[in-house]
C-alpha cells in the first residue's frame, strides 16, 4: 500500500549514514594528521640540534 514511500526513506537513511560517517571520520583524520605533523616537526628540530 505504501511501497512508494520506502524509496525516499531508504535514500534519506543512506544519506544520514554517510553524514554520520563523515562526522566521525573527519575529527579522527584531523587528529591523526595533527599528531603526524607534530611528530614530523619534532623530528626536524631533533635533526637541527644534532647538526650543531
N, C-alpha and C. Protein backbone atom coordinates (compact mmCIF):
# COMPACT_ATOMS: atom_id res chain seq x y z
N UNK A 1 0.82 -1.19 0.00
CA UNK A 1 0.00 0.00 0.00
C UNK A 1 0.86 1.26 0.00
N UNK A 2 1.88 1.31 0.88
CA UNK A 2 2.74 2.48 0.94
C UNK A 2 4.14 2.17 0.40
N UNK A 3 4.23 1.33 -0.60
CA UNK A 3 5.55 0.91 -1.09
C UNK A 3 6.30 2.06 -1.77
N UNK A 4 5.58 3.05 -2.30
CA UNK A 4 6.25 4.16 -2.96
C UNK A 4 6.98 5.05 -1.95
N UNK A 5 6.69 4.92 -0.67
CA UNK A 5 7.35 5.74 0.34
C UNK A 5 8.67 5.14 0.80
N UNK A 6 8.90 3.88 0.50
CA UNK A 6 10.11 3.24 1.02
C UNK A 6 11.37 3.74 0.31
N UNK A 7 11.30 4.06 -0.97
CA UNK A 7 12.49 4.50 -1.70
C UNK A 7 13.05 5.81 -1.15
N UNK A 8 12.24 6.85 -0.95
CA UNK A 8 12.81 8.07 -0.35
C UNK A 8 13.33 7.86 1.06
N UNK A 9 12.67 6.99 1.82
CA UNK A 9 13.16 6.73 3.18
C UNK A 9 14.50 6.03 3.16
N UNK A 10 14.67 5.08 2.25
CA UNK A 10 15.95 4.39 2.12
C UNK A 10 17.02 5.38 1.69
N UNK A 11 16.71 6.24 0.74
CA UNK A 11 17.66 7.25 0.28
C UNK A 11 18.05 8.20 1.41
N UNK A 12 17.07 8.64 2.19
CA UNK A 12 17.38 9.51 3.32
C UNK A 12 18.23 8.79 4.36
N UNK A 13 17.97 7.52 4.59
CA UNK A 13 18.74 6.74 5.55
C UNK A 13 20.19 6.59 5.09
N UNK A 14 20.39 6.34 3.80
CA UNK A 14 21.75 6.21 3.27
C UNK A 14 22.49 7.54 3.39
N UNK A 15 21.83 8.64 3.08
CA UNK A 15 22.46 9.95 3.21
C UNK A 15 22.80 10.24 4.66
N UNK A 16 21.89 9.88 5.57
CA UNK A 16 22.15 10.06 7.00
C UNK A 16 23.37 9.26 7.44
N UNK A 17 23.47 8.02 6.98
CA UNK A 17 24.63 7.19 7.34
C UNK A 17 25.93 7.79 6.80
N UNK A 18 25.90 8.29 5.58
CA UNK A 18 27.11 8.91 5.02
C UNK A 18 27.51 10.16 5.81
N UNK A 19 26.53 10.94 6.21
CA UNK A 19 26.83 12.13 7.01
C UNK A 19 27.39 11.76 8.38
N UNK A 20 26.84 10.72 8.98
CA UNK A 20 27.36 10.28 10.28
C UNK A 20 28.79 9.74 10.14
N UNK A 21 29.05 9.02 9.06
CA UNK A 21 30.40 8.52 8.82
C UNK A 21 31.38 9.67 8.65
N UNK A 22 30.99 10.70 7.91
CA UNK A 22 31.85 11.86 7.73
C UNK A 22 32.05 12.61 9.05
N UNK A 23 31.00 12.69 9.86
CA UNK A 23 31.10 13.39 11.14
C UNK A 23 32.04 12.68 12.10
N UNK A 24 32.15 11.36 11.98
CA UNK A 24 33.06 10.61 12.84
C UNK A 24 34.48 10.62 12.28
N UNK A 25 34.61 10.42 10.97
CA UNK A 25 35.94 10.28 10.38
C UNK A 25 36.69 11.61 10.27
N UNK A 26 36.00 12.71 10.10
CA UNK A 26 36.70 13.99 9.94
C UNK A 26 37.52 14.36 11.18
N UNK A 27 36.98 14.35 12.39
CA UNK A 27 37.81 14.68 13.55
C UNK A 27 38.93 13.66 13.79
N UNK A 28 38.66 12.38 13.50
CA UNK A 28 39.70 11.36 13.67
C UNK A 28 40.85 11.63 12.71
N UNK A 29 40.52 11.93 11.46
CA UNK A 29 41.56 12.22 10.47
C UNK A 29 42.33 13.48 10.84
N UNK A 30 41.64 14.50 11.30
CA UNK A 30 42.32 15.74 11.70
C UNK A 30 43.25 15.50 12.89
N UNK A 31 42.83 14.68 13.84
CA UNK A 31 43.67 14.38 15.00
C UNK A 31 44.94 13.65 14.58
N UNK A 32 44.80 12.61 13.76
CA UNK A 32 45.98 11.86 13.33
C UNK A 32 46.89 12.70 12.45
N UNK A 33 46.31 13.60 11.64
CA UNK A 33 47.12 14.49 10.82
C UNK A 33 47.92 15.44 11.70
N UNK A 34 47.30 15.96 12.77
CA UNK A 34 48.00 16.85 13.68
C UNK A 34 49.12 16.12 14.41
N UNK A 35 48.85 14.89 14.84
CA UNK A 35 49.88 14.10 15.53
C UNK A 35 51.05 13.82 14.59
N UNK A 36 50.74 13.46 13.34
CA UNK A 36 51.80 13.16 12.37
C UNK A 36 52.63 14.42 12.08
N UNK A 37 51.96 15.57 11.94
CA UNK A 37 52.67 16.81 11.67
C UNK A 37 53.54 17.21 12.85
N UNK A 38 53.00 17.03 14.07
CA UNK A 38 53.76 17.38 15.27
C UNK A 38 54.98 16.46 15.42
N UNK A 39 54.80 15.18 15.11
CA UNK A 39 55.91 14.23 15.18
C UNK A 39 56.97 14.58 14.14
N UNK A 40 56.56 14.99 12.95
CA UNK A 40 57.50 15.38 11.90
C UNK A 40 58.25 16.64 12.26
N UNK A 41 57.58 17.61 12.85
CA UNK A 41 58.26 18.85 13.21
C UNK A 41 59.22 18.62 14.36
N UNK A 42 58.89 17.73 15.30
CA UNK A 42 59.81 17.45 16.39
C UNK A 42 61.02 16.68 15.88
N UNK A 43 60.85 15.86 14.85
CA UNK A 43 61.98 15.15 14.25
C UNK A 43 62.90 16.15 13.55
N UNK A 44 62.34 17.16 12.89
CA UNK A 44 63.16 18.18 12.24
C UNK A 44 63.95 18.98 13.27
N UNK A 45 63.34 19.29 14.39
CA UNK A 45 64.03 20.03 15.45
C UNK A 45 65.17 19.18 16.00
N UNK A 46 64.94 17.88 16.17
CA UNK A 46 65.99 17.00 16.67
C UNK A 46 67.14 16.92 15.68
N UNK A 47 66.87 16.88 14.39
CA UNK A 47 67.94 16.87 13.38
C UNK A 47 68.72 18.17 13.42
N UNK A 48 68.01 19.27 13.61
CA UNK A 48 68.66 20.58 13.67
C UNK A 48 69.60 20.65 14.87
N UNK A 49 69.18 20.14 16.00
CA UNK A 49 70.00 20.14 17.21
C UNK A 49 71.20 19.23 17.02
N UNK A 50 71.01 18.08 16.39
CA UNK A 50 72.11 17.14 16.17
C UNK A 50 73.14 17.70 15.19
N UNK A 51 72.72 18.53 14.25
CA UNK A 51 73.66 19.04 13.25
C UNK A 51 74.55 20.15 13.82
N UNK A 52 74.21 20.69 14.96
CA UNK A 52 75.02 21.77 15.55
C UNK A 52 76.15 21.21 16.28
